């Protein structure tokens, strides 16, 4: 209820500011006009087509990045000395902003979905990989030695020793990566012109349709909230056994 109340206050402020002349309505239309335009957009097929393109780039890029990060993290943990050998490379590549790769993405893939995927995968990969490495490093040394003493096979060692410890970190990485992936998907469409919601925003802005721009931004915000809620729901279900979320899951 507090969240709903806060959103209602935001809408009231957005309605009052242009009505009172504090901001030119041409720059910030009242909230009622934005919501009205949003309803008109939702009634047409163009919005849903664009949103589908964005969600396709988001889901595909996030899935590839997640699988690649899990595989890379398991490999780095499996090979002795590989973590130390790759630490400097990871620390060099990780801080590079994905938007800095826009010229490269445009050169390689033009305005196609490949450009969006390149940015989404690059940004999401590091979010998951770092958490995987943290999780693997957090495994109890006594548990490691016990597994070696009992001569666990590699698969059993990963399943019964590494995975239960690393899984909370992995889910945190997925939650962070899901949000970053959606941001980068819209950014790629907005800047490069890849098909999707971002390109619709850019087209509306170029045509001077200010109310439509704000309506589409609201759509992006709502989808971002939905993505975050969905991943948190998945996290609570996957980690229902974990003490940190056990009390949050309904019995």
Protein backbone atom coordinates (compact mmCIF):
# COMPACT_ATOMS: atom_id res chain seq x y z
CA UNK A 1 0.00 0.00 0.00
CA UNK A 2 2.88 2.35 0.71
CA UNK A 3 4.24 1.68 -2.77
CA UNK A 4 0.87 2.41 -4.34
CA UNK A 5 0.58 5.57 -2.26
CA UNK A 6 4.01 6.74 -3.38
CA UNK A 7 3.07 6.13 -7.02
CA UNK A 8 -0.16 8.09 -6.56
CA UNK A 9 1.81 11.03 -5.14
CA UNK A 10 4.15 10.88 -8.13
CA UNK A 11 1.18 11.02 -10.52
CA UNK A 12 -0.31 13.95 -8.61
CA UNK A 13 2.96 15.89 -8.80
CA UNK A 14 3.33 15.09 -12.50
CA UNK A 15 -0.19 16.39 -13.05
CA UNK A 16 0.18 19.53 -10.96
CA UNK A 17 3.60 20.74 -12.15
CA UNK A 18 2.58 21.54 -15.77
CA UNK A 19 -0.94 22.66 -14.75
CA UNK A 20 0.53 25.25 -12.37
CA UNK A 21 2.91 26.53 -15.02
CA UNK A 22 6.05 25.41 -13.21
CA UNK A 23 7.11 23.54 -16.36
CA UNK A 24 5.97 24.15 -19.91
CA UNK A 25 3.35 21.53 -20.89
CA UNK A 26 5.17 21.27 -24.22
CA UNK A 27 8.14 19.86 -22.30
CA UNK A 28 6.24 17.87 -19.66
CA UNK A 29 2.57 17.12 -20.41
CA UNK A 30 0.21 16.47 -17.49
CA UNK A 31 0.06 12.91 -16.23
CA UNK A 32 -3.53 12.48 -17.40
CA UNK A 33 -2.52 13.27 -20.99
CA UNK A 34 0.41 10.87 -20.78
CA UNK A 35 -1.80 8.08 -19.44
CA UNK A 36 -4.42 8.82 -22.08
CA UNK A 37 -1.79 8.53 -24.80
CA UNK A 38 -0.53 5.34 -23.18
CA UNK A 39 -4.02 3.85 -23.41
CA UNK A 40 -4.16 4.76 -27.10
CA UNK A 41 -0.77 3.14 -27.72
CA UNK A 42 -1.82 0.01 -25.82
CA UNK A 43 -4.87 -0.32 -28.06
CA UNK A 44 -2.70 -0.60 -31.17
CA UNK A 45 -0.49 -3.43 -32.38
CA UNK A 46 2.62 -1.31 -33.01
CA UNK A 47 3.44 -0.93 -29.31
CA UNK A 48 3.17 -4.65 -28.61
CA UNK A 49 5.25 -5.51 -31.65
CA UNK A 50 8.00 -3.14 -30.54
CA UNK A 51 7.81 -4.40 -26.96
CA UNK A 52 8.04 -7.98 -28.22
CA UNK A 53 11.23 -7.13 -30.12
CA UNK A 54 12.75 -5.58 -27.01
CA UNK A 55 11.82 -8.53 -24.81
CA UNK A 56 13.22 -10.93 -27.40
CA UNK A 57 16.58 -9.16 -27.37
CA UNK A 58 16.49 -9.02 -23.59
CA UNK A 59 15.62 -12.70 -23.04
CA UNK A 60 17.98 -14.06 -25.69
CA UNK A 61 20.92 -11.91 -24.61
CA UNK A 62 20.34 -12.60 -20.91
CA UNK A 63 20.08 -16.35 -21.53
CA UNK A 64 23.30 -16.48 -23.53
CA UNK A 65 25.18 -14.34 -21.01
CA UNK A 66 23.90 -16.38 -18.05
CA UNK A 67 24.89 -19.72 -19.58
CA UNK A 68 28.30 -18.41 -20.68
CA UNK A 69 29.01 -16.91 -17.26
CA UNK A 70 28.12 -20.15 -15.45
CA UNK A 71 30.36 -22.15 -17.79
CA UNK A 72 33.22 -19.67 -17.46
CA UNK A 73 32.92 -19.56 -13.67
CA UNK A 74 32.93 -23.36 -13.41
CA UNK A 75 35.95 -23.56 -15.71
CA UNK A 76 37.90 -20.93 -13.78
CA UNK A 77 37.20 -22.78 -10.55
CA UNK A 78 38.13 -26.16 -12.03
CA UNK A 79 41.57 -25.32 -13.42
CA UNK A 80 44.20 -24.64 -10.75
CA UNK A 81 45.78 -21.23 -11.16
CA UNK A 82 43.30 -20.09 -13.80
CA UNK A 83 41.54 -17.66 -11.46
CA UNK A 84 44.80 -15.87 -10.67
CA UNK A 85 45.75 -15.88 -14.36
CA UNK A 86 42.44 -14.34 -15.47
CA UNK A 87 41.91 -11.89 -12.59
CA UNK A 88 43.67 -8.96 -14.28
CA UNK A 89 41.88 -9.57 -17.60
CA UNK A 90 38.49 -9.69 -15.89
CA UNK A 91 39.19 -6.52 -13.92
CA UNK A 92 40.25 -4.79 -17.14
CA UNK A 93 37.23 -5.82 -19.23
CA UNK A 94 34.51 -5.60 -16.58
CA UNK A 95 34.51 -1.79 -16.06
CA UNK A 96 34.27 -1.04 -19.79
CA UNK A 97 30.78 0.46 -20.33
CA UNK A 98 28.70 -1.48 -22.79
CA UNK A 99 27.66 1.74 -24.52
CA UNK A 100 31.32 2.19 -25.48
CA UNK A 101 30.84 -0.84 -27.74
CA UNK A 102 28.08 0.85 -29.75
CA UNK A 103 30.44 1.83 -32.63
CA UNK A 104 31.72 -1.75 -32.79
CA UNK A 105 28.20 -3.18 -32.65
CA UNK A 106 27.05 -0.87 -35.43
CA UNK A 107 30.05 -1.78 -37.54
CA UNK A 108 29.49 -5.52 -37.11
CA UNK A 109 25.70 -5.81 -37.17
CA UNK A 110 24.29 -2.48 -38.32
CA UNK A 111 20.85 -1.70 -36.92
CA UNK A 112 19.85 -5.35 -36.54
CA UNK A 113 19.14 -7.37 -33.43
CA UNK A 114 22.78 -8.46 -33.35
CA UNK A 115 23.81 -5.01 -32.13
CA UNK A 116 21.38 -5.20 -29.22
CA UNK A 117 22.52 -8.72 -28.37
CA UNK A 118 26.19 -7.72 -28.32
CA UNK A 119 25.57 -4.96 -25.79
CA UNK A 120 23.16 -7.02 -23.67
CA UNK A 121 25.42 -10.06 -23.53
CA UNK A 122 28.52 -8.06 -22.70
CA UNK A 123 26.88 -6.15 -19.87
CA UNK A 124 25.03 -9.14 -18.40
CA UNK A 125 27.94 -11.56 -18.61
CA UNK A 126 30.08 -9.70 -16.09
CA UNK A 127 27.22 -9.27 -13.63
CA UNK A 128 26.74 -13.03 -13.44
CA UNK A 129 30.39 -14.08 -13.72
CA UNK A 130 31.56 -11.93 -10.81
CA UNK A 131 28.83 -13.34 -8.58
CA UNK A 132 29.66 -16.90 -9.65
CA UNK A 133 33.31 -16.34 -8.75
CA UNK A 134 32.32 -14.88 -5.39
CA UNK A 135 30.06 -17.84 -4.72
CA UNK A 136 32.69 -20.40 -5.65
CA UNK A 137 35.26 -18.66 -3.46
CA UNK A 138 32.84 -18.75 -0.52
CA UNK A 139 32.71 -22.55 -0.39
CA UNK A 140 33.76 -23.79 3.05
CA UNK A 141 37.36 -25.09 2.91
CA UNK A 142 36.40 -27.92 5.29
CA UNK A 143 33.67 -29.00 2.87
CA UNK A 144 36.17 -28.93 0.02
CA UNK A 145 38.62 -31.10 1.90
CA UNK A 146 35.88 -33.46 3.02
CA UNK A 147 34.74 -33.92 -0.59
CA UNK A 148 38.31 -34.63 -1.65
CA UNK A 149 38.73 -37.07 1.22
CA UNK A 150 35.64 -38.97 0.09
CA UNK A 151 36.88 -38.74 -3.49
CA UNK A 152 33.80 -37.06 -4.90
CA UNK A 153 33.57 -37.13 -8.66
CA UNK A 154 33.61 -33.74 -10.35
CA UNK A 155 29.86 -33.73 -10.98
CA UNK A 156 29.05 -34.75 -7.40
CA UNK A 157 31.48 -32.16 -6.06
CA UNK A 158 29.82 -29.37 -8.06
CA UNK A 159 26.32 -30.53 -7.19
CA UNK A 160 26.68 -31.17 -3.46
CA UNK A 161 29.48 -28.81 -2.41
CA UNK A 162 29.88 -25.88 -4.79
CA UNK A 163 26.36 -25.40 -6.10
CA UNK A 164 24.50 -24.97 -2.75
CA UNK A 165 26.98 -22.29 -1.70
CA UNK A 166 27.21 -20.51 -5.05
CA UNK A 167 23.49 -20.57 -5.91
CA UNK A 168 22.50 -17.51 -3.81
CA UNK A 169 25.30 -15.56 -5.51
CA UNK A 170 24.20 -16.84 -8.92
CA UNK A 171 20.62 -15.70 -8.34
CA UNK A 172 21.87 -12.27 -7.23
CA UNK A 173 23.89 -12.07 -10.43
CA UNK A 174 20.82 -13.05 -12.47
CA UNK A 175 18.72 -10.38 -10.78
CA UNK A 176 21.32 -7.69 -11.48
CA UNK A 177 21.90 -8.92 -15.02
CA UNK A 178 18.18 -8.98 -15.84
CA UNK A 179 17.82 -5.28 -15.04
CA UNK A 180 21.04 -4.30 -16.82
CA UNK A 181 20.06 -6.38 -19.86
CA UNK A 182 16.75 -4.57 -20.23
CA UNK A 183 18.41 -1.17 -19.89
CA UNK A 184 20.96 -2.06 -22.56
CA UNK A 185 18.32 -3.49 -24.88
CA UNK A 186 16.37 -0.22 -24.83
CA UNK A 187 19.57 1.83 -25.08
CA UNK A 188 20.71 -0.06 -28.17
CA UNK A 189 17.36 0.49 -29.83
CA UNK A 190 17.35 4.16 -28.87
CA UNK A 191 20.89 4.93 -30.07
CA UNK A 192 21.53 2.42 -32.84
CA UNK A 193 17.98 2.12 -34.13
CA UNK A 194 17.54 -1.60 -33.58
CA UNK A 195 13.90 -2.75 -33.73
CA UNK A 196 12.05 -2.34 -30.46
CA UNK A 197 10.68 0.04 -27.88
CA UNK A 198 13.75 2.27 -27.87
CA UNK A 199 13.45 2.96 -31.58
CA UNK A 200 9.80 3.90 -31.13
CA UNK A 201 10.84 6.39 -28.45
CA UNK A 202 13.50 7.84 -30.73
CA UNK A 203 11.04 8.08 -33.65
CA UNK A 204 8.44 9.83 -31.47
CA UNK A 205 11.08 12.26 -30.20
CA UNK A 206 12.24 13.06 -33.73
CA UNK A 207 8.65 13.74 -34.75
CA UNK A 208 8.02 16.07 -31.82
CA UNK A 209 5.41 13.78 -30.25
CA UNK A 210 6.34 14.66 -26.67
CA UNK A 211 3.31 13.01 -25.06
CA UNK A 212 4.02 9.78 -26.94
CA UNK A 213 7.65 9.88 -25.78
CA UNK A 214 6.58 10.07 -22.14
CA UNK A 215 3.96 7.35 -22.64
CA UNK A 216 6.57 5.00 -24.09
CA UNK A 217 8.97 5.85 -21.26
CA UNK A 218 6.24 4.85 -18.81
CA UNK A 219 5.92 1.54 -20.66
CA UNK A 220 9.66 0.97 -20.33
CA UNK A 221 9.49 1.73 -16.62
CA UNK A 222 6.58 -0.63 -16.06
CA UNK A 223 8.32 -3.43 -17.94
CA UNK A 224 11.48 -2.83 -15.90
CA UNK A 225 9.48 -3.17 -12.68
CA UNK A 226 7.83 -6.34 -14.00
CA UNK A 227 11.20 -7.83 -14.91
CA UNK A 228 12.56 -7.12 -11.44
CA UNK A 229 9.50 -8.59 -9.73
CA UNK A 230 9.61 -11.70 -11.90
CA UNK A 231 13.27 -12.37 -11.15
CA UNK A 232 12.73 -11.76 -7.43
CA UNK A 233 9.84 -14.23 -7.50
CA UNK A 234 12.08 -16.80 -9.20
CA UNK A 235 14.84 -16.11 -6.69
CA UNK A 236 12.51 -16.73 -3.75
CA UNK A 237 11.31 -20.00 -5.25
CA UNK A 238 14.76 -21.30 -6.15
CA UNK A 239 16.19 -20.33 -2.77
CA UNK A 240 13.21 -21.42 -0.70
CA UNK A 241 15.56 -23.69 1.28
CA UNK A 242 18.01 -20.88 2.05
CA UNK A 243 17.75 -19.16 5.48
CA UNK A 244 17.83 -15.69 3.92
CA UNK A 245 14.53 -16.20 2.07
CA UNK A 246 12.91 -19.12 3.86
CA UNK A 247 10.58 -16.84 5.79
CA UNK A 248 9.49 -14.98 2.65
CA UNK A 249 8.11 -18.00 0.79
CA UNK A 250 4.47 -18.88 1.58
CA UNK A 251 4.03 -22.44 2.81
